[in-house]
Amino acid sequence: MTAPRRTALTAAVLASWALFLALVWVLGQYKDAITAEDLVLGAMPLFGSWEWRLDVELLVPIGVGVLLIAVLPVISARGRWRAVAAAAALGGIAFSLALALAHSHPLTWQDLDNHYGSRIHVVDDAGGFGPFLRQYTDVQLTDVYPVHLQSHPPGLVLFFWAAAKIGLEGLVFQNAVIMLAAGAGIAAALAIGRDVAGERLARRAAPFLVVVPAAFWHNNADIVFAGVTLAAVACLVLATNRTGARAVAFTAAGGLLAGAALMLSFSAVLLALPFLVVAVRRRRWDVLLGGGALAAAVVLAPLLWGYWWLEGLQVTRVRYYAGVASVRGYWYFLVANPAVYALALGPAIAVALARLRDRRMWIVVGSCLAAVAIADLSGMSSSETERIWQPFMPLTLLAGCALDRPRAWLTLQLAVAVALAAALRVHW
C-alpha cells in the first residue's frame, strides 16, 4: 500500500471510529429520553456516570503509561521471548493498577468483594458445598443471590469460599486475583499469537495488549474469567502444535482450565471458537477430543451434587430477560455493544484491523471477532460490554501487530484511557 493510500485509510478509519461512537451516543440519548423506565446507564451507552475530574491522581496512569510506551517497544523488539511475555504481563498489571488509582469512585477496589467475596456465606447458609450446588438454579430466580451470582455459574463464589477456608480472603487477596488474571490473559494471548502467527508479529503486538483503554475496566470478576479462559485456549492451541508428552500435558491443562472457565462464566464457551479453528486447520482431532472430554468432565462433575450447567444457562437467560434486559431492549444495544467494544479497544486497534493483512493472525483475530458477533446477536449483553466482553479483548488486540510507529499509536491509546479515567465514574 502506498503512503498516500495508507494515510487516507488511516484518516477514514479514525473518522469512522469517532463518528460511530458519536452516533451511538446520540441514539442513546434519544432512547433514554423515550424510555419511561430507568436504564441504569448514567453514561449511556456505558455503565457509570459522566463526571469530569482533573485530579492529581491522573498523573499516575500518565506517568506509568509514558514509561511503558518508552520501554515496551524496545523489550518487545530485542528481549528474549519469555522476557517479552513477562514484561507485557507485568506492564498490563501496572497500567491497570495506575488507572484504578486514578478512579475517584469509592468502590473501585471493592467490586469483586461486593459481588462475590462478601457473599460466600450463601454457601454455608445453604448447608455447605453439596446443598448449595443442589439449590443453585432454583435460587437463581429469586432475589436471595445478588445479580452477579444470578447471572453466572457458581464457580467463582465457590473459589472464594474455599480460599477463605484456608485464610485467603479480603480486598488485598481479591484484587491480587484480578491483577494476576489480567497478567495471565495478556501472556496467554501473546502465546496464542506467537504459536499461530509467529513470534515476529506477536512481539509487535505485545505493547498494544498493555496500553489500552480497556485497562480502565480491570477491576471486576470478568477479568478473572478472561484470565482463566484465555489460559485454557492458550494451552489447547499450544497442544495442537506439539507431539508426545508435551502435547498431552498441554491438552490436559487446557481441558481442565476450559472446564473451570465454563464454571465461572457461560460466555467462556464462545472463546472455544479460536481454538476450534486452529485445531481443525491443523487436523489435531486428538487435542480437540481430549481437551473437550476433560472440559466436559469438569462441567459434568457438579451433577453429582445436582447442578447441571445447561439448566443454569437456561435459568440465567430467563432471569436476565425478566430483569433489566426487558427494559433496555435488543436493537439499540445490537449496535451500541460493538461501539463500546471499539472504544475499549481504542482508535489504534480500529486502524490496525483495517491494516492487518497477515492471514495467520487473522485466524486468531477473526475467530475472536466472530465470537464477539455471536455474543452480540445472542441478546445476552444489553450494555456493560466494556466489562462483559473483556475476555475477547486480548485476542483482538493482537491486531496491533499491523501498526508501524508503535509509540505514536500507543500515545493515542494512552490519551483515550486517561480521558476515561478523568471523565467516567464507575466502580469497576
Protein backbone atom coordinates (compact mmCIF):
# COMPACT_ATOMS: atom_id res chain seq x y z
CA MET A 1 0.00 0.00 0.00
CA THR A 2 1.39 3.40 -0.98
CA ALA A 3 1.96 6.07 1.66
CA PRO A 4 -0.86 8.38 0.41
CA ARG A 5 -3.34 5.50 0.37
CA ARG A 6 -2.28 4.40 3.85
CA THR A 7 -2.69 7.95 5.15
CA ALA A 8 -6.14 8.21 3.57
CA LEU A 9 -7.16 4.84 5.02
CA THR A 10 -5.94 5.83 8.47
CA ALA A 11 -7.84 9.12 8.39
CA ALA A 12 -11.01 7.40 7.18
CA VAL A 13 -10.85 4.74 9.89
CA LEU A 14 -10.21 7.22 12.69
CA ALA A 15 -13.05 9.44 11.46
CA SER A 16 -15.37 6.42 11.20
CA TRP A 17 -14.42 5.27 14.69
CA ALA A 18 -15.23 8.69 16.17
CA LEU A 19 -18.42 9.07 14.10
CA PHE A 20 -19.63 5.62 15.12
CA LEU A 21 -19.20 6.45 18.81
CA ALA A 22 -20.89 9.82 18.37
CA LEU A 23 -23.84 8.30 16.51
CA VAL A 24 -24.35 5.63 19.16
CA TRP A 25 -24.18 8.29 21.88
CA VAL A 26 -26.84 10.41 20.13
CA LEU A 27 -29.10 7.41 19.62
CA GLY A 28 -28.55 6.51 23.26
CA GLN A 29 -29.72 9.91 24.44
CA TYR A 30 -32.84 9.51 22.32
CA LYS A 31 -33.52 6.01 23.67
CA ASP A 32 -33.02 7.21 27.23
CA ALA A 33 -35.42 10.11 26.65
CA ILE A 34 -38.25 7.97 25.25
CA THR A 35 -37.89 5.13 27.79
CA ALA A 36 -40.00 5.58 30.89
CA GLU A 37 -38.08 3.03 32.97
CA ASP A 38 -34.59 3.58 34.35
CA LEU A 39 -31.99 2.01 32.05
CA VAL A 40 -29.40 2.16 34.88
CA LEU A 41 -26.90 3.66 32.45
CA GLY A 42 -25.92 7.13 33.58
CA ALA A 43 -23.22 7.36 30.91
CA MET A 44 -25.26 5.86 28.07
CA PRO A 45 -24.22 3.54 26.45
CA LEU A 46 -21.61 2.98 29.17
CA PHE A 47 -22.32 1.97 32.73
CA GLY A 48 -21.49 4.65 35.29
CA SER A 49 -21.82 8.42 35.16
CA TRP A 50 -20.00 11.28 33.43
CA GLU A 51 -18.22 13.49 35.92
CA TRP A 52 -15.08 15.27 34.76
CA ARG A 53 -12.44 15.47 37.48
CA LEU A 54 -8.89 16.60 36.77
CA ASP A 55 -7.19 15.34 39.92
CA VAL A 56 -3.51 14.91 40.63
CA GLU A 57 -4.08 11.13 40.66
CA LEU A 58 -4.32 11.25 36.86
CA LEU A 59 -0.56 11.79 36.82
CA VAL A 60 -0.14 8.16 37.92
CA PRO A 61 -1.52 6.48 34.75
CA ILE A 62 0.09 9.20 32.63
CA GLY A 63 3.49 8.52 34.19
CA VAL A 64 3.16 4.74 34.05
CA GLY A 65 1.81 4.91 30.51
CA VAL A 66 4.66 7.10 29.28
CA LEU A 67 7.20 4.75 30.87
CA LEU A 68 5.58 1.72 29.25
CA ILE A 69 5.46 3.44 25.87
CA ALA A 70 9.16 4.18 26.19
CA VAL A 71 10.36 0.71 27.19
CA LEU A 72 7.90 -1.88 25.89
CA PRO A 73 8.67 -1.47 22.16
CA VAL A 74 12.38 -1.90 22.95
CA ILE A 75 11.85 -5.01 25.08
CA SER A 76 9.43 -6.44 22.52
CA ALA A 77 11.94 -5.99 19.71
CA ARG A 78 15.15 -7.06 21.47
CA GLY A 79 14.35 -9.15 24.53
CA ARG A 80 14.08 -12.90 24.82
CA TRP A 81 10.57 -14.15 24.25
CA ARG A 82 9.95 -15.00 27.90
CA ALA A 83 11.11 -11.52 28.86
CA VAL A 84 8.67 -10.03 26.34
CA ALA A 85 5.74 -12.03 27.72
CA ALA A 86 6.69 -11.23 31.32
CA ALA A 87 7.18 -7.53 30.59
CA ALA A 88 3.81 -7.34 28.85
CA ALA A 89 2.03 -9.14 31.69
CA LEU A 90 3.67 -7.02 34.40
CA GLY A 91 3.17 -3.87 32.34
CA GLY A 92 -0.51 -4.69 31.95
CA ILE A 93 -0.86 -5.12 35.70
CA ALA A 94 0.97 -1.84 36.34
CA PHE A 95 -1.17 0.11 33.88
CA SER A 96 -4.39 -1.40 35.25
CA LEU A 97 -3.39 -0.51 38.81
CA ALA A 98 -2.40 3.01 37.73
CA LEU A 99 -5.80 3.60 36.14
CA ALA A 100 -7.53 2.14 39.21
CA LEU A 101 -5.63 4.58 41.42
CA ALA A 102 -6.89 7.40 39.21
CA HIS A 103 -10.51 6.32 39.72
CA SER A 104 -12.35 8.54 42.13
CA HIS A 105 -15.17 6.06 42.74
CA PRO A 106 -15.05 4.90 46.38
CA LEU A 107 -15.92 1.30 45.42
CA THR A 108 -13.22 0.81 42.78
CA TRP A 109 -11.34 -1.76 44.84
CA GLN A 110 -14.45 -3.42 46.29
CA ASP A 111 -16.36 -4.65 43.25
CA LEU A 112 -15.24 -8.27 43.49
CA ASP A 113 -15.85 -8.28 47.24
CA ASN A 114 -19.32 -6.77 46.89
CA HIS A 115 -20.45 -9.31 44.31
CA TYR A 116 -18.54 -12.43 45.37
CA GLY A 117 -16.14 -12.16 48.32
CA SER A 118 -18.71 -10.89 50.81
CA ARG A 119 -21.31 -13.36 49.52
CA ILE A 120 -19.52 -16.59 50.35
CA HIS A 121 -21.80 -17.01 53.37
CA VAL A 122 -24.53 -18.19 50.96
CA VAL A 123 -22.65 -21.50 50.64
CA ASP A 124 -22.74 -22.18 54.37
CA ASP A 125 -26.26 -20.74 54.64
CA ALA A 126 -27.39 -23.37 52.14
CA GLY A 127 -25.83 -26.12 54.24
CA GLY A 128 -22.44 -26.46 52.59
CA PHE A 129 -20.95 -27.29 49.20
CA GLY A 130 -23.38 -30.01 48.11
CA PRO A 131 -26.66 -28.41 49.19
CA PHE A 132 -25.51 -25.09 47.72
CA LEU A 133 -25.00 -26.66 44.29
CA ARG A 134 -28.24 -28.59 44.53
CA GLN A 135 -30.27 -25.43 45.23
CA TYR A 136 -28.34 -23.06 42.97
CA THR A 137 -30.55 -22.97 39.86
CA ASP A 138 -33.73 -22.75 41.94
CA VAL A 139 -32.43 -19.82 43.97
CA GLN A 140 -31.15 -18.04 40.82
CA LEU A 141 -34.72 -16.98 40.02
CA THR A 142 -35.20 -15.38 43.43
CA ASP A 143 -33.67 -12.27 44.98
CA VAL A 144 -31.69 -14.25 47.55
CA TYR A 145 -28.49 -14.02 45.49
CA PRO A 146 -27.02 -10.76 44.16
CA VAL A 147 -27.27 -10.16 40.42
CA HIS A 148 -23.80 -11.49 39.59
CA LEU A 149 -24.48 -14.84 41.25
CA GLN A 150 -27.84 -14.97 39.49
CA SER A 151 -26.11 -14.46 36.13
CA HIS A 152 -23.15 -16.86 36.36
CA PRO A 153 -22.30 -20.44 37.26
CA PRO A 154 -21.26 -20.97 40.89
CA GLY A 155 -17.54 -21.42 40.22
CA LEU A 156 -16.20 -18.09 41.43
CA VAL A 157 -18.16 -17.84 44.66
CA LEU A 158 -17.09 -21.41 45.46
CA PHE A 159 -13.48 -20.47 44.75
CA PHE A 160 -13.59 -17.61 47.24
CA TRP A 161 -15.48 -19.77 49.73
CA ALA A 162 -12.77 -22.45 49.52
CA ALA A 163 -9.99 -19.84 49.66
CA ALA A 164 -11.49 -18.36 52.83
CA LYS A 165 -11.32 -21.80 54.45
CA ILE A 166 -7.51 -21.61 54.25
CA GLY A 167 -7.32 -17.96 55.28
CA LEU A 168 -7.18 -16.30 51.84
CA GLU A 169 -9.76 -13.53 51.87
CA GLY A 170 -10.17 -9.77 51.94
CA LEU A 171 -9.68 -6.94 49.48
CA VAL A 172 -5.94 -7.45 49.01
CA PHE A 173 -6.37 -11.09 48.07
CA GLN A 174 -9.34 -10.39 45.81
CA ASN A 175 -7.61 -7.60 43.90
CA ALA A 176 -4.45 -9.71 43.65
CA VAL A 177 -6.55 -12.41 41.96
CA ILE A 178 -7.86 -9.84 39.47
CA MET A 179 -4.41 -8.49 38.65
CA LEU A 180 -2.88 -11.95 38.29
CA ALA A 181 -5.71 -12.85 35.93
CA ALA A 182 -5.13 -9.66 33.92
CA GLY A 183 -1.46 -10.53 33.51
CA ALA A 184 -2.26 -14.15 32.68
CA GLY A 185 -4.72 -13.05 29.98
CA ILE A 186 -2.07 -10.91 28.30
CA ALA A 187 0.57 -13.66 28.42
CA ALA A 188 -1.92 -16.23 27.13
CA ALA A 189 -2.98 -14.05 24.20
CA LEU A 190 0.66 -13.48 23.24
CA ALA A 191 1.33 -17.22 23.41
CA ILE A 192 -1.61 -17.86 21.10
CA GLY A 193 -0.50 -15.17 18.66
CA ARG A 194 3.06 -16.49 18.62
CA ASP A 195 2.02 -20.10 18.06
CA VAL A 196 -0.40 -19.32 15.24
CA ALA A 197 1.09 -16.27 13.51
CA GLY A 198 4.75 -16.38 14.51
CA GLU A 199 6.96 -14.68 17.05
CA ARG A 200 7.68 -11.57 14.98
CA LEU A 201 4.04 -10.50 14.87
CA ALA A 202 3.43 -11.44 18.49
CA ARG A 203 6.35 -9.24 19.53
CA ARG A 204 4.95 -6.33 17.51
CA ALA A 205 1.55 -6.77 19.13
CA ALA A 206 2.77 -7.03 22.73
CA PRO A 207 2.74 -3.31 23.70
CA PHE A 208 -0.83 -2.94 22.39
CA LEU A 209 -2.11 -5.51 24.88
CA VAL A 210 -0.79 -3.32 27.69
CA VAL A 211 -1.50 0.35 26.95
CA VAL A 212 -5.17 0.14 26.02
CA PRO A 213 -8.35 1.93 27.15
CA ALA A 214 -9.85 -1.43 28.17
CA ALA A 215 -7.48 -1.45 31.15
CA PHE A 216 -9.70 1.22 32.71
CA TRP A 217 -12.25 -1.55 33.44
CA HIS A 218 -9.83 -4.05 35.00
CA ASN A 219 -11.39 -4.15 38.48
CA ASN A 220 -14.07 -6.81 38.25
CA ALA A 221 -14.80 -10.52 38.04
CA ASP A 222 -14.79 -10.57 34.24
CA ILE A 223 -11.02 -10.11 34.33
CA VAL A 224 -10.79 -13.35 36.31
CA PHE A 225 -13.00 -15.05 33.72
CA ALA A 226 -10.74 -13.68 30.98
CA GLY A 227 -7.52 -14.88 32.56
CA VAL A 228 -8.72 -18.44 33.14
CA THR A 229 -10.44 -18.76 29.75
CA LEU A 230 -7.52 -17.38 27.74
CA ALA A 231 -5.09 -19.60 29.65
CA ALA A 232 -7.24 -22.58 28.65
CA VAL A 233 -7.31 -21.54 25.00
CA ALA A 234 -3.56 -20.93 25.01
CA CYS A 235 -2.80 -24.39 26.41
CA LEU A 236 -5.05 -26.08 23.87
CA VAL A 237 -3.65 -24.09 20.95
CA LEU A 238 -0.10 -24.90 22.04
CA ALA A 239 -1.06 -28.57 22.26
CA THR A 240 -2.09 -28.58 18.58
CA ASN A 241 1.46 -27.66 17.59
CA ARG A 242 3.21 -30.28 19.74
CA THR A 243 3.53 -34.04 19.98
CA GLY A 244 4.23 -36.60 22.65
CA ALA A 245 4.22 -35.83 26.35
CA ARG A 246 4.14 -32.06 25.84
CA ALA A 247 1.00 -32.31 23.74
CA VAL A 248 -0.63 -34.48 26.39
CA ALA A 249 0.35 -32.08 29.17
CA PHE A 250 -0.95 -29.01 27.33
CA THR A 251 -4.15 -30.83 26.38
CA ALA A 252 -4.77 -31.89 29.97
CA ALA A 253 -4.08 -28.43 31.35
CA GLY A 254 -6.17 -26.76 28.66
CA GLY A 255 -9.11 -29.10 29.08
CA LEU A 256 -9.20 -28.74 32.86
CA LEU A 257 -8.86 -24.96 32.65
CA ALA A 258 -11.59 -24.83 30.00
CA GLY A 259 -13.92 -26.72 32.31
CA ALA A 260 -13.06 -24.34 35.14
CA ALA A 261 -13.70 -21.36 32.85
CA LEU A 262 -17.13 -22.72 31.96
CA MET A 263 -17.93 -22.97 35.67
CA LEU A 264 -17.01 -19.31 36.03
CA SER A 265 -18.88 -17.83 33.07
CA PHE A 266 -21.33 -19.11 30.49
CA SER A 267 -19.81 -16.89 27.79
CA ALA A 268 -16.47 -18.72 28.11
CA VAL A 269 -17.83 -21.26 25.64
CA LEU A 270 -17.55 -18.67 22.86
CA LEU A 271 -13.76 -18.50 23.19
CA ALA A 272 -13.64 -22.13 22.13
CA LEU A 273 -14.04 -20.79 18.59
CA PRO A 274 -10.41 -19.64 18.09
CA PHE A 275 -9.18 -22.99 19.38
CA LEU A 276 -11.61 -24.92 17.18
CA VAL A 277 -10.46 -23.05 14.08
CA VAL A 278 -6.80 -23.73 14.86
CA ALA A 279 -7.37 -27.38 15.80
CA VAL A 280 -9.38 -28.12 12.66
CA ARG A 281 -6.88 -26.30 10.45
CA ARG A 282 -4.04 -28.35 11.95
CA ARG A 283 -6.14 -31.55 11.96
CA ARG A 284 -5.41 -32.19 15.61
CA TRP A 285 -8.50 -34.21 16.42
CA ASP A 286 -6.74 -35.80 19.40
CA VAL A 287 -6.34 -32.44 21.12
CA LEU A 288 -9.88 -31.45 20.19
CA LEU A 289 -11.40 -34.62 21.61
CA GLY A 290 -9.07 -34.92 24.60
CA GLY A 291 -9.42 -31.31 25.68
CA GLY A 292 -13.16 -31.40 25.07
CA ALA A 293 -13.55 -34.57 27.13
CA LEU A 294 -11.68 -33.12 30.10
CA ALA A 295 -13.63 -29.86 29.94
CA ALA A 296 -16.88 -31.84 29.80
CA ALA A 297 -15.78 -33.90 32.80
CA VAL A 298 -15.27 -30.74 34.87
CA VAL A 299 -18.64 -29.34 33.81
CA LEU A 300 -20.43 -32.64 34.43
CA ALA A 301 -18.85 -33.26 37.85
CA PRO A 302 -21.28 -30.93 39.72
CA LEU A 303 -24.11 -33.20 38.57
CA LEU A 304 -23.03 -35.42 41.46
CA TRP A 305 -24.42 -32.69 43.72
CA GLY A 306 -27.35 -31.75 41.49
CA TYR A 307 -26.04 -28.79 39.46
CA TRP A 308 -26.44 -29.01 35.67
CA TRP A 309 -24.64 -26.36 33.62
CA LEU A 310 -27.17 -26.22 30.78
CA GLU A 311 -30.04 -25.82 33.23
CA GLY A 312 -28.10 -22.98 34.83
CA LEU A 313 -27.71 -21.32 31.44
CA GLN A 314 -31.43 -21.63 30.74
CA VAL A 315 -32.36 -20.22 34.15
CA THR A 316 -29.88 -17.37 33.67
CA ARG A 317 -31.49 -16.47 30.36
CA VAL A 318 -34.96 -16.44 31.94
CA ARG A 319 -33.75 -14.29 34.83
CA TYR A 320 -31.88 -11.94 32.51
CA TYR A 321 -34.90 -11.17 30.34
CA ALA A 322 -37.08 -10.76 33.41
CA GLY A 323 -34.72 -8.09 34.69
CA VAL A 324 -33.02 -5.06 33.21
CA ALA A 325 -32.78 -6.58 29.71
CA SER A 326 -36.56 -6.27 29.36
CA VAL A 327 -36.17 -2.51 29.84
CA ARG A 328 -33.02 -1.94 27.81
CA GLY A 329 -34.22 -3.86 24.78
CA TYR A 330 -32.32 -5.55 21.94
CA TRP A 331 -31.90 -3.47 18.80
CA TYR A 332 -30.13 -0.40 20.17
CA PHE A 333 -27.55 -2.48 22.02
CA LEU A 334 -27.02 -4.68 18.98
CA VAL A 335 -25.32 -1.57 17.56
CA ALA A 336 -24.13 0.04 20.80
CA ASN A 337 -22.28 -3.01 22.09
CA PRO A 338 -19.78 -3.07 19.19
CA ALA A 339 -19.31 0.69 19.63
CA VAL A 340 -18.42 0.21 23.29
CA TYR A 341 -16.09 -2.62 22.29
CA ALA A 342 -14.42 -0.30 19.78
CA LEU A 343 -13.98 2.34 22.48
CA ALA A 344 -12.43 -0.17 24.87
CA LEU A 345 -10.01 -1.38 22.19
CA GLY A 346 -9.12 2.17 21.25
CA PRO A 347 -8.73 4.01 17.94
CA ALA A 348 -5.33 2.47 17.21
CA ILE A 349 -6.82 -1.01 17.02
CA ALA A 350 -9.52 0.20 14.64
CA VAL A 351 -6.73 1.30 12.31
CA ALA A 352 -4.81 -1.92 12.95
CA LEU A 353 -7.79 -4.05 11.93
CA ALA A 354 -8.03 -2.11 8.67
CA ARG A 355 -4.31 -2.59 8.01
CA LEU A 356 -3.91 -6.20 9.12
CA ARG A 357 -3.04 -8.40 6.14
CA ASP A 358 -1.38 -11.43 7.72
CA ARG A 359 -3.69 -14.43 7.22
CA ARG A 360 -2.33 -16.34 10.19
CA MET A 361 -3.02 -13.51 12.61
CA TRP A 362 -6.46 -13.09 11.07
CA ILE A 363 -7.18 -16.69 12.11
CA VAL A 364 -6.90 -15.59 15.74
CA VAL A 365 -8.33 -12.09 15.46
CA GLY A 366 -11.09 -13.03 13.02
CA SER A 367 -12.31 -16.02 15.00
CA CYS A 368 -12.36 -13.88 18.14
CA LEU A 369 -14.39 -11.18 16.37
CA ALA A 370 -16.77 -13.90 15.20
CA ALA A 371 -17.21 -14.93 18.84
CA VAL A 372 -17.95 -11.29 19.71
CA ALA A 373 -20.56 -11.16 16.93
CA ILE A 374 -22.24 -14.29 18.32
CA ALA A 375 -22.26 -12.76 21.80
CA ASP A 376 -23.83 -9.60 20.40
CA LEU A 377 -26.51 -11.42 18.41
CA SER A 378 -27.38 -13.62 21.39
CA GLY A 379 -29.01 -10.67 23.14
CA MET A 380 -27.43 -11.66 26.46
CA SER A 381 -25.42 -8.45 26.70
CA SER A 382 -27.67 -5.41 26.88
CA SER A 383 -24.80 -2.97 27.54
CA GLU A 384 -21.94 -3.25 30.07
CA THR A 385 -19.88 -4.94 27.35
CA GLU A 386 -16.90 -2.81 28.36
CA ARG A 387 -16.76 -5.29 31.24
CA ILE A 388 -18.54 -8.40 29.99
CA TRP A 389 -16.53 -8.68 26.76
CA GLN A 390 -13.14 -8.30 28.44
CA PRO A 391 -12.27 -11.98 27.73
CA PHE A 392 -12.40 -11.29 23.98
CA MET A 393 -10.27 -8.16 24.02
CA PRO A 394 -6.69 -9.51 24.33
CA LEU A 395 -7.04 -11.66 21.21
CA THR A 396 -8.48 -8.75 19.23
CA LEU A 397 -5.66 -6.51 20.45
CA LEU A 398 -3.18 -8.79 18.68
CA ALA A 399 -4.16 -6.87 15.54
CA GLY A 400 -1.84 -4.15 16.85
CA CYS A 401 0.97 -6.04 15.12
CA ALA A 402 -0.11 -4.32 11.89
CA LEU A 403 0.86 -0.86 13.13
CA ASP A 404 4.19 0.80 12.46
CA ARG A 405 5.48 3.68 14.63
CA PRO A 406 4.05 1.98 17.75
CA ARG A 407 4.87 4.78 20.17
CA ALA A 408 2.64 7.26 18.34
CA TRP A 409 -0.29 4.84 18.36
CA LEU A 410 0.30 3.85 21.98
CA THR A 411 0.27 7.52 22.94
CA LEU A 412 -3.15 7.84 21.33
CA GLN A 413 -4.33 4.78 23.27
CA LEU A 414 -2.99 6.29 26.49
CA ALA A 415 -4.83 9.55 25.82
CA VAL A 416 -8.16 7.74 25.47
CA ALA A 417 -7.53 5.69 28.63
CA VAL A 418 -6.65 8.77 30.68
CA ALA A 419 -9.68 10.62 29.30
CA LEU A 420 -11.90 7.78 30.52
CA ALA A 421 -10.25 7.90 33.94
CA ALA A 422 -10.88 11.65 34.10
CA ALA A 423 -14.47 11.60 32.89
CA LEU A 424 -16.18 8.33 33.81
CA ARG A 425 -17.15 7.35 37.34
CA VAL A 426 -17.71 3.62 37.63
CA HIS A 427 -16.92 1.16 40.40
CA TRP A 428 -15.35 -1.36 38.05
